Amino acid sequence: MQPMLDTITDVVCPFYHAQDGLKIKCEGFCSSCSLQISFERKEMLKLHQYRHCMDMRGYKKCPLYDVINRQYE
């Protein structure tokens, strides 16, 4: 079983903003927008957080990473 994301201090992804219910809110692809990922089940949200938001190597494999990071290149 994966650890639960309990606090913002568990997050290593620099683009993470917040969790709201079954949604993860992230920085957007420009300075005036933000993105969110919505999940149907809490288990899938927690799995995504464990694999991407909380993992030092995993956050760069997030489906949104390249889209968001492009503004800094």
PDB file of N, CA and C in Angstrom:
ATOM      1  N   MET A   1       0.842  -1.191   0.000  1.00  0.00           N
ATOM      2  CA  MET A   1       0.000   0.000   0.000  1.00  0.00           C
ATOM      3  C   MET A   1       0.883   1.250   0.000  1.00  0.00           C
ATOM      4  N   GLN A   2       0.520   2.216  -0.850  1.00  0.00           N
ATOM      5  CA  GLN A   2       1.296   3.442  -0.954  1.00  0.00           C
ATOM      6  C   GLN A   2       0.992   4.369   0.220  1.00  0.00           C
ATOM      7  N   PRO A   3       1.989   5.156   0.628  1.00  0.00           N
ATOM      8  CA  PRO A   3       1.722   6.148   1.678  1.00  0.00           C
ATOM      9  C   PRO A   3       0.744   7.203   1.180  1.00  0.00           C
ATOM     10  N   MET A   4      -0.011   7.760   2.081  1.00  0.00           N
ATOM     11  CA  MET A   4      -0.981   8.784   1.726  1.00  0.00           C
ATOM     12  C   MET A   4      -0.295  10.147   1.751  1.00  0.00           C
ATOM     13  N   LEU A   5      -0.705  11.003   0.839  1.00  0.00           N
ATOM     14  CA  LEU A   5      -0.205  12.369   0.820  1.00  0.00           C
ATOM     15  C   LEU A   5      -1.008  13.156   1.839  1.00  0.00           C
ATOM     16  N   ASP A   6      -0.380  13.469   2.949  1.00  0.00           N
ATOM     17  CA  ASP A   6      -1.094  14.127   4.033  1.00  0.00           C
ATOM     18  C   ASP A   6      -0.841  15.627   4.096  1.00  0.00           C
ATOM     19  N   THR A   7       0.344  16.028   3.711  1.00  0.00           N
ATOM     20  CA  THR A   7       0.676  17.447   3.817  1.00  0.00           C
ATOM     21  C   THR A   7       1.428  17.882   2.577  1.00  0.00           C
ATOM     22  N   ILE A   8       1.474  19.159   2.370  1.00  0.00           N
ATOM     23  CA  ILE A   8       2.209  19.720   1.244  1.00  0.00           C
ATOM     24  C   ILE A   8       3.694  19.401   1.349  1.00  0.00           C
ATOM     25  N   THR A   9       4.196  19.102   2.538  1.00  0.00           N
ATOM     26  CA  THR A   9       5.621  18.789   2.702  1.00  0.00           C
ATOM     27  C   THR A   9       5.986  17.441   2.086  1.00  0.00           C
ATOM     28  N   ASP A  10       4.997  16.588   1.806  1.00  0.00           N
ATOM     29  CA  ASP A  10       5.254  15.310   1.143  1.00  0.00           C
ATOM     30  C   ASP A  10       5.497  15.485  -0.355  1.00  0.00           C
ATOM     31  N   VAL A  11       5.160  16.627  -0.901  1.00  0.00           N
ATOM     32  CA  VAL A  11       5.236  16.886  -2.331  1.00  0.00           C
ATOM     33  C   VAL A  11       6.638  17.338  -2.720  1.00  0.00           C
ATOM     34  N   VAL A  12       7.175  16.758  -3.807  1.00  0.00           N
ATOM     35  CA  VAL A  12       8.462  17.205  -4.343  1.00  0.00           C
ATOM     36  C   VAL A  12       8.287  17.878  -5.701  1.00  0.00           C
ATOM     37  N   CYS A  13       7.173  17.696  -6.345  1.00  0.00           N
ATOM     38  CA  CYS A  13       6.944  18.307  -7.660  1.00  0.00           C
ATOM     39  C   CYS A  13       6.873  19.826  -7.520  1.00  0.00           C
ATOM     40  N   PRO A  14       7.682  20.554  -8.281  1.00  0.00           N
ATOM     41  CA  PRO A  14       7.679  22.016  -8.168  1.00  0.00           C
ATOM     42  C   PRO A  14       6.423  22.677  -8.749  1.00  0.00           C
ATOM     43  N   PHE A  15       5.619  21.928  -9.490  1.00  0.00           N
ATOM     44  CA  PHE A  15       4.437  22.495 -10.138  1.00  0.00           C
ATOM     45  C   PHE A  15       3.143  22.238  -9.370  1.00  0.00           C
ATOM     46  N   TYR A  16       3.213  21.445  -8.327  1.00  0.00           N
ATOM     47  CA  TYR A  16       2.033  21.099  -7.523  1.00  0.00           C
ATOM     48  C   TYR A  16       1.539  22.320  -6.754  1.00  0.00           C
ATOM     49  N   HIS A  17       0.205  22.524  -6.763  1.00  0.00           N
ATOM     50  CA  HIS A  17      -0.378  23.613  -5.986  1.00  0.00           C
ATOM     51  C   HIS A  17      -1.229  23.098  -4.834  1.00  0.00           C
ATOM     52  N   ALA A  18      -2.165  22.174  -5.106  1.00  0.00           N
ATOM     53  CA  ALA A  18      -3.079  21.738  -4.047  1.00  0.00           C
ATOM     54  C   ALA A  18      -3.870  20.520  -4.488  1.00  0.00           C
ATOM     55  N   GLN A  19      -4.527  19.920  -3.510  1.00  0.00           N
ATOM     56  CA  GLN A  19      -5.499  18.863  -3.773  1.00  0.00           C
ATOM     57  C   GLN A  19      -6.849  19.369  -3.295  1.00  0.00           C
ATOM     58  N   ASP A  20      -7.865  19.118  -4.082  1.00  0.00           N
ATOM     59  CA  ASP A  20      -9.224  19.519  -3.734  1.00  0.00           C
ATOM     60  C   ASP A  20     -10.145  18.361  -4.083  1.00  0.00           C
ATOM     61  N   GLY A  21     -10.505  17.591  -3.073  1.00  0.00           N
ATOM     62  CA  GLY A  21     -11.339  16.411  -3.337  1.00  0.00           C
ATOM     63  C   GLY A  21     -10.593  15.420  -4.200  1.00  0.00           C
ATOM     64  N   LEU A  22     -11.151  15.093  -5.363  1.00  0.00           N
ATOM     65  CA  LEU A  22     -10.531  14.148  -6.285  1.00  0.00           C
ATOM     66  C   LEU A  22      -9.769  14.857  -7.397  1.00  0.00           C
ATOM     67  N   LYS A  23      -9.312  16.065  -7.132  1.00  0.00           N
ATOM     68  CA  LYS A  23      -8.581  16.853  -8.121  1.00  0.00           C
ATOM     69  C   LYS A  23      -7.224  17.282  -7.572  1.00  0.00           C
ATOM     70  N   ILE A  24      -6.235  17.251  -8.444  1.00  0.00           N
ATOM     71  CA  ILE A  24      -4.917  17.783  -8.133  1.00  0.00           C
ATOM     72  C   ILE A  24      -4.765  19.054  -8.964  1.00  0.00           C
ATOM     73  N   LYS A  25      -4.419  20.133  -8.315  1.00  0.00           N
ATOM     74  CA  LYS A  25      -4.231  21.406  -9.008  1.00  0.00           C
ATOM     75  C   LYS A  25      -2.739  21.685  -9.151  1.00  0.00           C
ATOM     76  N   CYS A  26      -2.357  22.071 -10.376  1.00  0.00           N
ATOM     77  CA  CYS A  26      -0.951  22.301 -10.696  1.00  0.00           C
ATOM     78  C   CYS A  26      -0.773  23.644 -11.377  1.00  0.00           C
ATOM     79  N   GLU A  27       0.476  24.085 -11.410  1.00  0.00           N
ATOM     80  CA  GLU A  27       0.831  25.279 -12.167  1.00  0.00           C
ATOM     81  C   GLU A  27       0.413  25.069 -13.618  1.00  0.00           C
ATOM     82  N   GLY A  28       0.110  26.142 -14.314  1.00  0.00           N
ATOM     83  CA  GLY A  28      -0.302  26.046 -15.708  1.00  0.00           C
ATOM     84  C   GLY A  28       0.849  26.183 -16.677  1.00  0.00           C
ATOM     85  N   PHE A  29       0.519  26.197 -17.952  1.00  0.00           N
ATOM     86  CA  PHE A  29       1.531  26.314 -18.994  1.00  0.00           C
ATOM     87  C   PHE A  29       1.878  27.767 -19.306  1.00  0.00           C
ATOM     88  N   CYS A  30       1.241  28.710 -18.608  1.00  0.00           N
ATOM     89  CA  CYS A  30       1.602  30.123 -18.696  1.00  0.00           C
ATOM     90  C   CYS A  30       1.363  30.747 -17.325  1.00  0.00           C
ATOM     91  N   SER A  31       1.857  31.949 -17.125  1.00  0.00           N
ATOM     92  CA  SER A  31       1.799  32.550 -15.794  1.00  0.00           C
ATOM     93  C   SER A  31       0.384  32.891 -15.326  1.00  0.00           C
ATOM     94  N   SER A  32      -0.544  32.983 -16.233  1.00  0.00           N
ATOM     95  CA  SER A  32      -1.906  33.389 -15.855  1.00  0.00           C
ATOM     96  C   SER A  32      -2.911  32.244 -15.860  1.00  0.00           C
ATOM     97  N   CYS A  33      -2.424  30.991 -15.783  1.00  0.00           N
ATOM     98  CA  CYS A  33      -3.365  29.860 -15.787  1.00  0.00           C
ATOM     99  C   CYS A  33      -2.874  28.745 -14.856  1.00  0.00           C
ATOM    100  N   SER A  34      -3.768  27.811 -14.587  1.00  0.00           N
ATOM    101  CA  SER A  34      -3.424  26.628 -13.811  1.00  0.00           C
ATOM    102  C   SER A  34      -4.107  25.429 -14.458  1.00  0.00           C
ATOM    103  N   LEU A  35      -3.649  24.246 -14.090  1.00  0.00           N
ATOM    104  CA  LEU A  35      -4.207  23.004 -14.622  1.00  0.00           C
ATOM    105  C   LEU A  35      -4.687  22.145 -13.472  1.00  0.00           C
ATOM    106  N   GLN A  36      -5.627  21.254 -13.758  1.00  0.00           N
ATOM    107  CA  GLN A  36      -6.028  20.291 -12.741  1.00  0.00           C
ATOM    108  C   GLN A  36      -6.273  18.942 -13.390  1.00  0.00           C
ATOM    109  N   ILE A  37      -5.993  17.906 -12.627  1.00  0.00           N
ATOM    110  CA  ILE A  37      -6.250  16.530 -13.037  1.00  0.00           C
ATOM    111  C   ILE A  37      -7.378  16.036 -12.151  1.00  0.00           C
ATOM    112  N   SER A  38      -8.436  15.503 -12.755  1.00  0.00           N
ATOM    113  CA  SER A  38      -9.575  14.978 -11.997  1.00  0.00           C
ATOM    114  C   SER A  38      -9.568  13.455 -12.065  1.00  0.00           C
ATOM    115  N   PHE A  39      -9.859  12.823 -10.944  1.00  0.00           N
ATOM    116  CA  PHE A  39      -9.882  11.370 -10.852  1.00  0.00           C
ATOM    117  C   PHE A  39     -11.276  10.896 -10.466  1.00  0.00           C
ATOM    118  N   GLU A  40     -11.644   9.706 -10.915  1.00  0.00           N
ATOM    119  CA  GLU A  40     -12.942   9.140 -10.570  1.00  0.00           C
ATOM    120  C   GLU A  40     -12.937   8.492  -9.192  1.00  0.00           C
ATOM    121  N   ARG A  41     -11.748   7.985  -8.787  1.00  0.00           N
ATOM    122  CA  ARG A  41     -11.662   7.287  -7.499  1.00  0.00           C
ATOM    123  C   ARG A  41     -10.454   7.800  -6.713  1.00  0.00           C
ATOM    124  N   LYS A  42     -10.617   7.822  -5.397  1.00  0.00           N
ATOM    125  CA  LYS A  42      -9.546   8.296  -4.517  1.00  0.00           C
ATOM    126  C   LYS A  42      -8.290   7.440  -4.655  1.00  0.00           C
ATOM    127  N   GLU A  43      -8.462   6.150  -4.903  1.00  0.00           N
ATOM    128  CA  GLU A  43      -7.312   5.259  -5.045  1.00  0.00           C
ATOM    129  C   GLU A  43      -6.438   5.676  -6.220  1.00  0.00           C
ATOM    130  N   MET A  44      -7.057   6.103  -7.320  1.00  0.00           N
ATOM    131  CA  MET A  44      -6.290   6.521  -8.493  1.00  0.00           C
ATOM    132  C   MET A  44      -5.581   7.848  -8.240  1.00  0.00           C
ATOM    133  N   LEU A  45      -6.230   8.749  -7.524  1.00  0.00           N
ATOM    134  CA  LEU A  45      -5.600  10.013  -7.151  1.00  0.00           C
ATOM    135  C   LEU A  45      -4.372   9.751  -6.281  1.00  0.00           C
ATOM    136  N   LYS A  46      -4.502   8.908  -5.283  1.00  0.00           N
ATOM    137  CA  LYS A  46      -3.387   8.603  -4.384  1.00  0.00           C
ATOM    138  C   LYS A  46      -2.252   7.907  -5.122  1.00  0.00           C
ATOM    139  N   LEU A  47      -2.583   7.039  -6.073  1.00  0.00           N
ATOM    140  CA  LEU A  47      -1.554   6.365  -6.858  1.00  0.00           C
ATOM    141  C   LEU A  47      -0.780   7.382  -7.703  1.00  0.00           C
ATOM    142  N   HIS A  48      -1.483   8.305  -8.321  1.00  0.00           N
ATOM    143  CA  HIS A  48      -0.815   9.348  -9.099  1.00  0.00           C
ATOM    144  C   HIS A  48       0.087  10.191  -8.193  1.00  0.00           C
ATOM    145  N   GLN A  49      -0.416  10.586  -7.034  1.00  0.00           N
ATOM    146  CA  GLN A  49       0.391  11.379  -6.107  1.00  0.00           C
ATOM    147  C   GLN A  49       1.655  10.627  -5.695  1.00  0.00           C
ATOM    148  N   TYR A  50       1.512   9.360  -5.389  1.00  0.00           N
ATOM    149  CA  TYR A  50       2.660   8.554  -4.970  1.00  0.00           C
ATOM    150  C   TYR A  50       3.694   8.443  -6.088  1.00  0.00           C
ATOM    151  N   ARG A  51       3.232   8.199  -7.309  1.00  0.00           N
ATOM    152  CA  ARG A  51       4.142   7.993  -8.440  1.00  0.00           C
ATOM    153  C   ARG A  51       4.763   9.287  -8.959  1.00  0.00           C
ATOM    154  N   HIS A  52       4.049  10.386  -8.836  1.00  0.00           N
ATOM    155  CA  HIS A  52       4.515  11.620  -9.460  1.00  0.00           C
ATOM    156  C   HIS A  52       4.763  12.750  -8.464  1.00  0.00           C
ATOM    157  N   CYS A  53       3.778  13.145  -7.722  1.00  0.00           N
ATOM    158  CA  CYS A  53       3.887  14.322  -6.842  1.00  0.00           C
ATOM    159  C   CYS A  53       4.904  14.132  -5.722  1.00  0.00           C
ATOM    160  N   MET A  54       5.019  12.913  -5.220  1.00  0.00           N
ATOM    161  CA  MET A  54       5.866  12.638  -4.063  1.00  0.00           C
ATOM    162  C   MET A  54       7.210  12.005  -4.428  1.00  0.00           C
ATOM    163  N   ASP A  55       7.441  11.683  -5.685  1.00  0.00           N
ATOM    164  CA  ASP A  55       8.635  10.947  -6.088  1.00  0.00           C
ATOM    165  C   ASP A  55       9.635  11.878  -6.771  1.00  0.00           C
ATOM    166  N   MET A  56      10.843  11.943  -6.251  1.00  0.00           N
ATOM    167  CA  MET A  56      11.860  12.848  -6.767  1.00  0.00           C
ATOM    168  C   MET A  56      12.180  12.568  -8.239  1.00  0.00           C
ATOM    169  N   ARG A  57      12.142  11.327  -8.657  1.00  0.00           N
ATOM    170  CA  ARG A  57      12.374  10.990 -10.065  1.00  0.00           C
ATOM    171  C   ARG A  57      11.068  10.929 -10.843  1.00  0.00           C
ATOM    172  N   GLY A  58       9.967  10.682 -10.155  1.00  0.00           N
ATOM    173  CA  GLY A  58       8.689  10.455 -10.821  1.00  0.00           C
ATOM    174  C   GLY A  58       7.978  11.692 -11.313  1.00  0.00           C
ATOM    175  N   TYR A  59       8.203  12.838 -10.678  1.00  0.00           N
ATOM    176  CA  TYR A  59       7.433  14.007 -11.087  1.00  0.00           C
ATOM    177  C   TYR A  59       7.754  14.429 -12.520  1.00  0.00           C
ATOM    178  N   LYS A  60       8.949  14.144 -13.007  1.00  0.00           N
ATOM    179  CA  LYS A  60       9.282  14.471 -14.390  1.00  0.00           C
ATOM    180  C   LYS A  60       8.614  13.531 -15.388  1.00  0.00           C
ATOM    181  N   LYS A  61       8.021  12.447 -14.897  1.00  0.00           N
ATOM    182  CA  LYS A  61       7.298  11.502 -15.749  1.00  0.00           C
ATOM    183  C   LYS A  61       5.794  11.774 -15.750  1.00  0.00           C
ATOM    184  N   CYS A  62       5.371  12.769 -14.996  1.00  0.00           N
ATOM    185  CA  CYS A  62       3.959  13.142 -14.949  1.00  0.00           C
ATOM    186  C   CYS A  62       3.518  13.577 -16.342  1.00  0.00           C
ATOM    187  N   PRO A  63       2.300  13.218 -16.763  1.00  0.00           N
ATOM    188  CA  PRO A  63       1.807  13.629 -18.072  1.00  0.00           C
ATOM    189  C   PRO A  63       1.775  15.144 -18.276  1.00  0.00           C
ATOM    190  N   LEU A  64       1.692  15.913 -17.203  1.00  0.00           N
ATOM    191  CA  LEU A  64       1.637  17.368 -17.329  1.00  0.00           C
ATOM    192  C   LEU A  64       3.010  18.035 -17.272  1.00  0.00           C
ATOM    193  N   TYR A  65       4.025  17.323 -16.861  1.00  0.00           N
ATOM    194  CA  TYR A  65       5.344  17.938 -16.631  1.00  0.00           C
ATOM    195  C   TYR A  65       5.873  18.676 -17.862  1.00  0.00           C
ATOM    196  N   ASP A  66       5.923  18.016 -19.011  1.00  0.00           N
ATOM    197  CA  ASP A  66       6.480  18.650 -20.210  1.00  0.00           C
ATOM    198  C   ASP A  66       5.673  19.867 -20.646  1.00  0.00           C
ATOM    199  N   VAL A  67       4.356  19.780 -20.525  1.00  0.00           N
ATOM    200  CA  VAL A  67       3.489  20.900 -20.905  1.00  0.00           C
ATOM    201  C   VAL A  67       3.779  22.118 -20.028  1.00  0.00           C
ATOM    202  N   ILE A  68       3.891  21.898 -18.730  1.00  0.00           N
ATOM    203  CA  ILE A  68       4.129  23.012 -17.798  1.00  0.00           C
ATOM    204  C   ILE A  68       5.564  23.525 -17.917  1.00  0.00           C
ATOM    205  N   ASN A  69       6.514  22.632 -18.004  1.00  0.00           N
ATOM    206  CA  ASN A  69       7.935  23.005 -18.021  1.00  0.00           C
ATOM    207  C   ASN A  69       8.329  23.756 -19.290  1.00  0.00           C
ATOM    208  N   ARG A  70       7.603  23.576 -20.363  1.00  0.00           N
ATOM    209  CA  ARG A  70       7.937  24.204 -21.647  1.00  0.00           C
ATOM    210  C   ARG A  70       8.060  25.727 -21.533  1.00  0.00           C
ATOM    211  N   GLN A  71       7.299  26.343 -20.638  1.00  0.00           N
ATOM    212  CA  GLN A  71       7.358  27.804 -20.498  1.00  0.00           C
ATOM    213  C   GLN A  71       8.691  28.290 -19.934  1.00  0.00           C
ATOM    214  N   TYR A  72       9.456  27.401 -19.324  1.00  0.00           N
ATOM    215  CA  TYR A  72      10.729  27.779 -18.712  1.00  0.00           C
ATOM    216  C   TYR A  72      11.936  27.478 -19.606  1.00  0.00           C
ATOM    217  N   GLU A  73      11.693  26.881 -20.726  1.00  0.00           N
ATOM    218  CA  GLU A  73      12.808  26.518 -21.634  1.00  0.00           C
ATOM    219  C   GLU A  73      13.204  27.678 -22.514  1.00  0.00           C
TER     220      GLU A  73
END
